[in-house]
Amino acid sequence: MDQDRIEGSAKTLSGRVKEFFGRMFGDSKLRAEGKMDQAEGRIQNAVGGLKDSLRDEDRRGP
C-alpha cells in the first residue's frame, strides 16, 4: 500500500472529526477546514491508488 493512501485516509478522517466539531460548536471556519481536509485526503488517497495500480502493472510485466 502506498504511503499516500495511508496519509490520505488519515487526512480524510481528521477532516471528518474537524467538520463534526465545527458543526457541534457552530464554528463555520472549523467546519470548512474539515471539508477541505476531507477533499485533500480523497485526492491524496486517489493518487496513492493510482501509484499502487501502476506498480502492480510493472510487476506483471508486458
PDB file of N, CA and C in Angstrom:
ATOM      1  N   MET A   1       0.847  -1.169   0.000  1.00  0.00           N
ATOM      2  CA  MET A   1       0.000   0.000   0.000  1.00  0.00           C
ATOM      3  C   MET A   1       0.899   1.240   0.000  1.00  0.00           C
ATOM      4  N   ASP A   2       0.549   2.168  -0.829  1.00  0.00           N
ATOM      5  CA  ASP A   2       1.332   3.382  -0.976  1.00  0.00           C
ATOM      6  C   ASP A   2       1.137   4.304   0.235  1.00  0.00           C
ATOM      7  N   GLN A   3       2.195   5.006   0.604  1.00  0.00           N
ATOM      8  CA  GLN A   3       2.149   5.934   1.738  1.00  0.00           C
ATOM      9  C   GLN A   3       1.094   7.025   1.536  1.00  0.00           C
ATOM     10  N   ASP A   4       0.883   7.436   0.279  1.00  0.00           N
ATOM     11  CA  ASP A   4      -0.126   8.457   0.007  1.00  0.00           C
ATOM     12  C   ASP A   4      -1.522   7.979   0.381  1.00  0.00           C
ATOM     13  N   ARG A   5      -1.782   6.712   0.199  1.00  0.00           N
ATOM     14  CA  ARG A   5      -3.108   6.183   0.565  1.00  0.00           C
ATOM     15  C   ARG A   5      -3.313   6.237   2.074  1.00  0.00           C
ATOM     16  N   ILE A   6      -2.266   5.913   2.815  1.00  0.00           N
ATOM     17  CA  ILE A   6      -2.363   5.937   4.280  1.00  0.00           C
ATOM     18  C   ILE A   6      -2.561   7.368   4.770  1.00  0.00           C
ATOM     19  N   GLU A   7      -1.723   8.281   4.260  1.00  0.00           N
ATOM     20  CA  GLU A   7      -1.831   9.678   4.679  1.00  0.00           C
ATOM     21  C   GLU A   7      -3.168  10.285   4.239  1.00  0.00           C
ATOM     22  N   GLY A   8      -3.622   9.931   3.052  1.00  0.00           N
ATOM     23  CA  GLY A   8      -4.904  10.437   2.565  1.00  0.00           C
ATOM     24  C   GLY A   8      -6.066   9.981   3.425  1.00  0.00           C
ATOM     25  N   SER A   9      -6.034   8.724   3.812  1.00  0.00           N
ATOM     26  CA  SER A   9      -7.102   8.202   4.676  1.00  0.00           C
ATOM     27  C   SER A   9      -7.086   8.891   6.037  1.00  0.00           C
ATOM     28  N   ALA A  10      -5.891   9.124   6.571  1.00  0.00           N
ATOM     29  CA  ALA A  10      -5.782   9.803   7.865  1.00  0.00           C
ATOM     30  C   ALA A  10      -6.282  11.237   7.766  1.00  0.00           C
ATOM     31  N   LYS A  11      -5.950  11.914   6.666  1.00  0.00           N
ATOM     32  CA  LYS A  11      -6.391  13.292   6.486  1.00  0.00           C
ATOM     33  C   LYS A  11      -7.913  13.367   6.322  1.00  0.00           C
ATOM     34  N   THR A  12      -8.472  12.394   5.622  1.00  0.00           N
ATOM     35  CA  THR A  12      -9.925  12.353   5.464  1.00  0.00           C
ATOM     36  C   THR A  12     -10.604  12.162   6.819  1.00  0.00           C
ATOM     37  N   LEU A  13     -10.073  11.264   7.612  1.00  0.00           N
ATOM     38  CA  LEU A  13     -10.645  11.006   8.935  1.00  0.00           C
ATOM     39  C   LEU A  13     -10.541  12.242   9.826  1.00  0.00           C
ATOM     40  N   SER A  14      -9.381  12.885   9.843  1.00  0.00           N
ATOM     41  CA  SER A  14      -9.241  14.076  10.679  1.00  0.00           C
ATOM     42  C   SER A  14     -10.153  15.195  10.187  1.00  0.00           C
ATOM     43  N   GLY A  15     -10.369  15.264   8.885  1.00  0.00           N
ATOM     44  CA  GLY A  15     -11.294  16.243   8.337  1.00  0.00           C
ATOM     45  C   GLY A  15     -12.719  16.004   8.802  1.00  0.00           C
ATOM     46  N   ARG A  16     -13.099  14.742   8.866  1.00  0.00           N
ATOM     47  CA  ARG A  16     -14.443  14.411   9.363  1.00  0.00           C
ATOM     48  C   ARG A  16     -14.612  14.830  10.819  1.00  0.00           C
ATOM     49  N   VAL A  17     -13.554  14.609  11.605  1.00  0.00           N
ATOM     50  CA  VAL A  17     -13.603  14.994  13.019  1.00  0.00           C
ATOM     51  C   VAL A  17     -13.721  16.514  13.138  1.00  0.00           C
ATOM     52  N   LYS A  18     -12.906  17.244  12.357  1.00  0.00           N
ATOM     53  CA  LYS A  18     -12.976  18.706  12.383  1.00  0.00           C
ATOM     54  C   LYS A  18     -14.363  19.198  11.985  1.00  0.00           C
ATOM     55  N   GLU A  19     -14.901  18.622  10.923  1.00  0.00           N
ATOM     56  CA  GLU A  19     -16.221  19.040  10.472  1.00  0.00           C
ATOM     57  C   GLU A  19     -17.278  18.767  11.547  1.00  0.00           C
ATOM     58  N   PHE A  20     -17.183  17.615  12.191  1.00  0.00           N
ATOM     59  CA  PHE A  20     -18.129  17.262  13.249  1.00  0.00           C
ATOM     60  C   PHE A  20     -18.092  18.298  14.369  1.00  0.00           C
ATOM     61  N   PHE A  21     -16.875  18.611  14.849  1.00  0.00           N
ATOM     62  CA  PHE A  21     -16.773  19.575  15.942  1.00  0.00           C
ATOM     63  C   PHE A  21     -17.148  20.983  15.485  1.00  0.00           C
ATOM     64  N   GLY A  22     -16.884  21.296  14.237  1.00  0.00           N
ATOM     65  CA  GLY A  22     -17.327  22.574  13.705  1.00  0.00           C
ATOM     66  C   GLY A  22     -18.835  22.701  13.732  1.00  0.00           C
ATOM     67  N   ARG A  23     -19.527  21.630  13.364  1.00  0.00           N
ATOM     68  CA  ARG A  23     -20.996  21.629  13.418  1.00  0.00           C
ATOM     69  C   ARG A  23     -21.477  21.691  14.872  1.00  0.00           C
ATOM     70  N   MET A  24     -20.807  20.930  15.724  1.00  0.00           N
ATOM     71  CA  MET A  24     -21.221  20.829  17.118  1.00  0.00           C
ATOM     72  C   MET A  24     -21.126  22.181  17.832  1.00  0.00           C
ATOM     73  N   PHE A  25     -20.050  22.922  17.551  1.00  0.00           N
ATOM     74  CA  PHE A  25     -19.830  24.193  18.235  1.00  0.00           C
ATOM     75  C   PHE A  25     -20.258  25.399  17.400  1.00  0.00           C
ATOM     76  N   GLY A  26     -20.797  25.169  16.218  1.00  0.00           N
ATOM     77  CA  GLY A  26     -21.238  26.275  15.385  1.00  0.00           C
ATOM     78  C   GLY A  26     -20.091  27.089  14.814  1.00  0.00           C
ATOM     79  N   ASP A  27     -18.935  26.465  14.639  1.00  0.00           N
ATOM     80  CA  ASP A  27     -17.744  27.138  14.127  1.00  0.00           C
ATOM     81  C   ASP A  27     -17.632  26.873  12.621  1.00  0.00           C
ATOM     82  N   SER A  28     -18.040  27.837  11.829  1.00  0.00           N
ATOM     83  CA  SER A  28     -18.059  27.628  10.382  1.00  0.00           C
ATOM     84  C   SER A  28     -16.653  27.499   9.795  1.00  0.00           C
ATOM     85  N   LYS A  29     -15.670  28.166  10.401  1.00  0.00           N
ATOM     86  CA  LYS A  29     -14.291  28.065   9.908  1.00  0.00           C
ATOM     87  C   LYS A  29     -13.758  26.636  10.113  1.00  0.00           C
ATOM     88  N   LEU A  30     -13.967  26.084  11.282  1.00  0.00           N
ATOM     89  CA  LEU A  30     -13.518  24.721  11.571  1.00  0.00           C
ATOM     90  C   LEU A  30     -14.234  23.723  10.664  1.00  0.00           C
ATOM     91  N   ARG A  31     -15.499  23.956  10.440  1.00  0.00           N
ATOM     92  CA  ARG A  31     -16.286  23.082   9.560  1.00  0.00           C
ATOM     93  C   ARG A  31     -15.745  23.125   8.136  1.00  0.00           C
ATOM     94  N   ALA A  32     -15.412  24.323   7.647  1.00  0.00           N
ATOM     95  CA  ALA A  32     -14.859  24.469   6.296  1.00  0.00           C
ATOM     96  C   ALA A  32     -13.476  23.821   6.196  1.00  0.00           C
ATOM     97  N   GLU A  33     -12.665  23.984   7.234  1.00  0.00           N
ATOM     98  CA  GLU A  33     -11.347  23.329   7.250  1.00  0.00           C
ATOM     99  C   GLU A  33     -11.511  21.817   7.178  1.00  0.00           C
ATOM    100  N   GLY A  34     -12.480  21.298   7.888  1.00  0.00           N
ATOM    101  CA  GLY A  34     -12.740  19.863   7.871  1.00  0.00           C
ATOM    102  C   GLY A  34     -13.116  19.377   6.488  1.00  0.00           C
ATOM    103  N   LYS A  35     -13.965  20.140   5.807  1.00  0.00           N
ATOM    104  CA  LYS A  35     -14.364  19.755   4.448  1.00  0.00           C
ATOM    105  C   LYS A  35     -13.176  19.801   3.494  1.00  0.00           C
ATOM    106  N   MET A  36     -12.314  20.813   3.643  1.00  0.00           N
ATOM    107  CA  MET A  36     -11.126  20.920   2.795  1.00  0.00           C
ATOM    108  C   MET A  36     -10.164  19.755   3.058  1.00  0.00           C
ATOM    109  N   ASP A  37      -9.972  19.421   4.328  1.00  0.00           N
ATOM    110  CA  ASP A  37      -9.101  18.290   4.669  1.00  0.00           C
ATOM    111  C   ASP A  37      -9.629  16.995   4.068  1.00  0.00           C
ATOM    112  N   GLN A  38     -10.947  16.835   4.095  1.00  0.00           N
ATOM    113  CA  GLN A  38     -11.533  15.626   3.513  1.00  0.00           C
ATOM    114  C   GLN A  38     -11.290  15.568   2.013  1.00  0.00           C
ATOM    115  N   ALA A  39     -11.437  16.695   1.342  1.00  0.00           N
ATOM    116  CA  ALA A  39     -11.203  16.734  -0.105  1.00  0.00           C
ATOM    117  C   ALA A  39      -9.741  16.434  -0.419  1.00  0.00           C
ATOM    118  N   GLU A  40      -8.827  17.051   0.331  1.00  0.00           N
ATOM    119  CA  GLU A  40      -7.398  16.787   0.128  1.00  0.00           C
ATOM    120  C   GLU A  40      -7.081  15.310   0.373  1.00  0.00           C
ATOM    121  N   GLY A  41      -7.665  14.754   1.418  1.00  0.00           N
ATOM    122  CA  GLY A  41      -7.435  13.350   1.741  1.00  0.00           C
ATOM    123  C   GLY A  41      -7.923  12.422   0.653  1.00  0.00           C
ATOM    124  N   ARG A  42      -9.100  12.727   0.079  1.00  0.00           N
ATOM    125  CA  ARG A  42      -9.624  11.885  -1.004  1.00  0.00           C
ATOM    126  C   ARG A  42      -8.718  11.943  -2.225  1.00  0.00           C
ATOM    127  N   ILE A  43      -8.222  13.140  -2.538  1.00  0.00           N
ATOM    128  CA  ILE A  43      -7.321  13.287  -3.689  1.00  0.00           C
ATOM    129  C   ILE A  43      -6.029  12.528  -3.445  1.00  0.00           C
ATOM    130  N   GLN A  44      -5.450  12.701  -2.254  1.00  0.00           N
ATOM    131  CA  GLN A  44      -4.198  12.019  -1.934  1.00  0.00           C
ATOM    132  C   GLN A  44      -4.392  10.506  -1.952  1.00  0.00           C
ATOM    133  N   ASN A  45      -5.509  10.045  -1.471  1.00  0.00           N
ATOM    134  CA  ASN A  45      -5.812   8.614  -1.485  1.00  0.00           C
ATOM    135  C   ASN A  45      -5.927   8.109  -2.922  1.00  0.00           C
ATOM    136  N   ALA A  46      -6.553   8.897  -3.792  1.00  0.00           N
ATOM    137  CA  ALA A  46      -6.691   8.506  -5.201  1.00  0.00           C
ATOM    138  C   ALA A  46      -5.332   8.439  -5.887  1.00  0.00           C
ATOM    139  N   VAL A  47      -4.460   9.391  -5.582  1.00  0.00           N
ATOM    140  CA  VAL A  47      -3.108   9.387  -6.158  1.00  0.00           C
ATOM    141  C   VAL A  47      -2.367   8.131  -5.701  1.00  0.00           C
ATOM    142  N   GLY A  48      -2.499   7.794  -4.432  1.00  0.00           N
ATOM    143  CA  GLY A  48      -1.863   6.582  -3.916  1.00  0.00           C
ATOM    144  C   GLY A  48      -2.400   5.332  -4.585  1.00  0.00           C
ATOM    145  N   GLY A  49      -3.699   5.306  -4.837  1.00  0.00           N
ATOM    146  CA  GLY A  49      -4.293   4.165  -5.531  1.00  0.00           C
ATOM    147  C   GLY A  49      -3.772   4.037  -6.949  1.00  0.00           C
ATOM    148  N   LEU A  50      -3.598   5.164  -7.607  1.00  0.00           N
ATOM    149  CA  LEU A  50      -3.039   5.154  -8.962  1.00  0.00           C
ATOM    150  C   LEU A  50      -1.610   4.626  -8.951  1.00  0.00           C
ATOM    151  N   LYS A  51      -0.820   5.087  -7.969  1.00  0.00           N
ATOM    152  CA  LYS A  51       0.557   4.595  -7.848  1.00  0.00           C
ATOM    153  C   LYS A  51       0.567   3.081  -7.619  1.00  0.00           C
ATOM    154  N   ASP A  52      -0.333   2.609  -6.759  1.00  0.00           N
ATOM    155  CA  ASP A  52      -0.412   1.171  -6.493  1.00  0.00           C
ATOM    156  C   ASP A  52      -0.742   0.394  -7.765  1.00  0.00           C
ATOM    157  N   SER A  53      -1.706   0.888  -8.525  1.00  0.00           N
ATOM    158  CA  SER A  53      -2.087   0.163  -9.739  1.00  0.00           C
ATOM    159  C   SER A  53      -0.962   0.186 -10.773  1.00  0.00           C
ATOM    160  N   LEU A  54      -0.224   1.275 -10.858  1.00  0.00           N
ATOM    161  CA  LEU A  54       0.914   1.320 -11.781  1.00  0.00           C
ATOM    162  C   LEU A  54       2.010   0.344 -11.350  1.00  0.00           C
ATOM    163  N   ARG A  55       2.227   0.263 -10.038  1.00  0.00           N
ATOM    164  CA  ARG A  55       3.221  -0.690  -9.539  1.00  0.00           C
ATOM    165  C   ARG A  55       2.806  -2.123  -9.845  1.00  0.00           C
ATOM    166  N   ASP A  56       1.517  -2.419  -9.702  1.00  0.00           N
ATOM    167  CA  ASP A  56       1.024  -3.768  -9.999  1.00  0.00           C
ATOM    168  C   ASP A  56       1.222  -4.123 -11.474  1.00  0.00           C
ATOM    169  N   GLU A  57       0.996  -3.143 -12.353  1.00  0.00           N
ATOM    170  CA  GLU A  57       1.213  -3.389 -13.775  1.00  0.00           C
ATOM    171  C   GLU A  57       2.677  -3.666 -14.083  1.00  0.00           C
ATOM    172  N   ASP A  58       3.571  -2.937 -13.396  1.00  0.00           N
ATOM    173  CA  ASP A  58       5.004  -3.156 -13.613  1.00  0.00           C
ATOM    174  C   ASP A  58       5.417  -4.549 -13.148  1.00  0.00           C
ATOM    175  N   ARG A  59       4.824  -5.031 -12.098  1.00  0.00           N
ATOM    176  CA  ARG A  59       5.165  -6.365 -11.563  1.00  0.00           C
ATOM    177  C   ARG A  59       4.694  -7.475 -12.512  1.00  0.00           C
ATOM    178  N   ARG A  60       3.543  -7.236 -13.134  1.00  0.00           N
ATOM    179  CA  ARG A  60       3.003  -8.258 -14.044  1.00  0.00           C
ATOM    180  C   ARG A  60       3.788  -8.331 -15.331  1.00  0.00           C
ATOM    181  N   GLY A  61       4.363  -7.217 -15.722  1.00  0.00           N
ATOM    182  CA  GLY A  61       5.145  -7.210 -16.964  1.00  0.00           C
ATOM    183  C   GLY A  61       4.284  -6.986 -18.178  1.00  0.00           C
ATOM    184  N   PRO A  62       4.919  -7.019 -19.365  1.00  0.00           N
ATOM    185  CA  PRO A  62       4.186  -6.748 -20.612  1.00  0.00           C
ATOM    186  C   PRO A  62       3.219  -7.825 -21.013  1.00  0.00           C
TER     187      PRO A  62
END
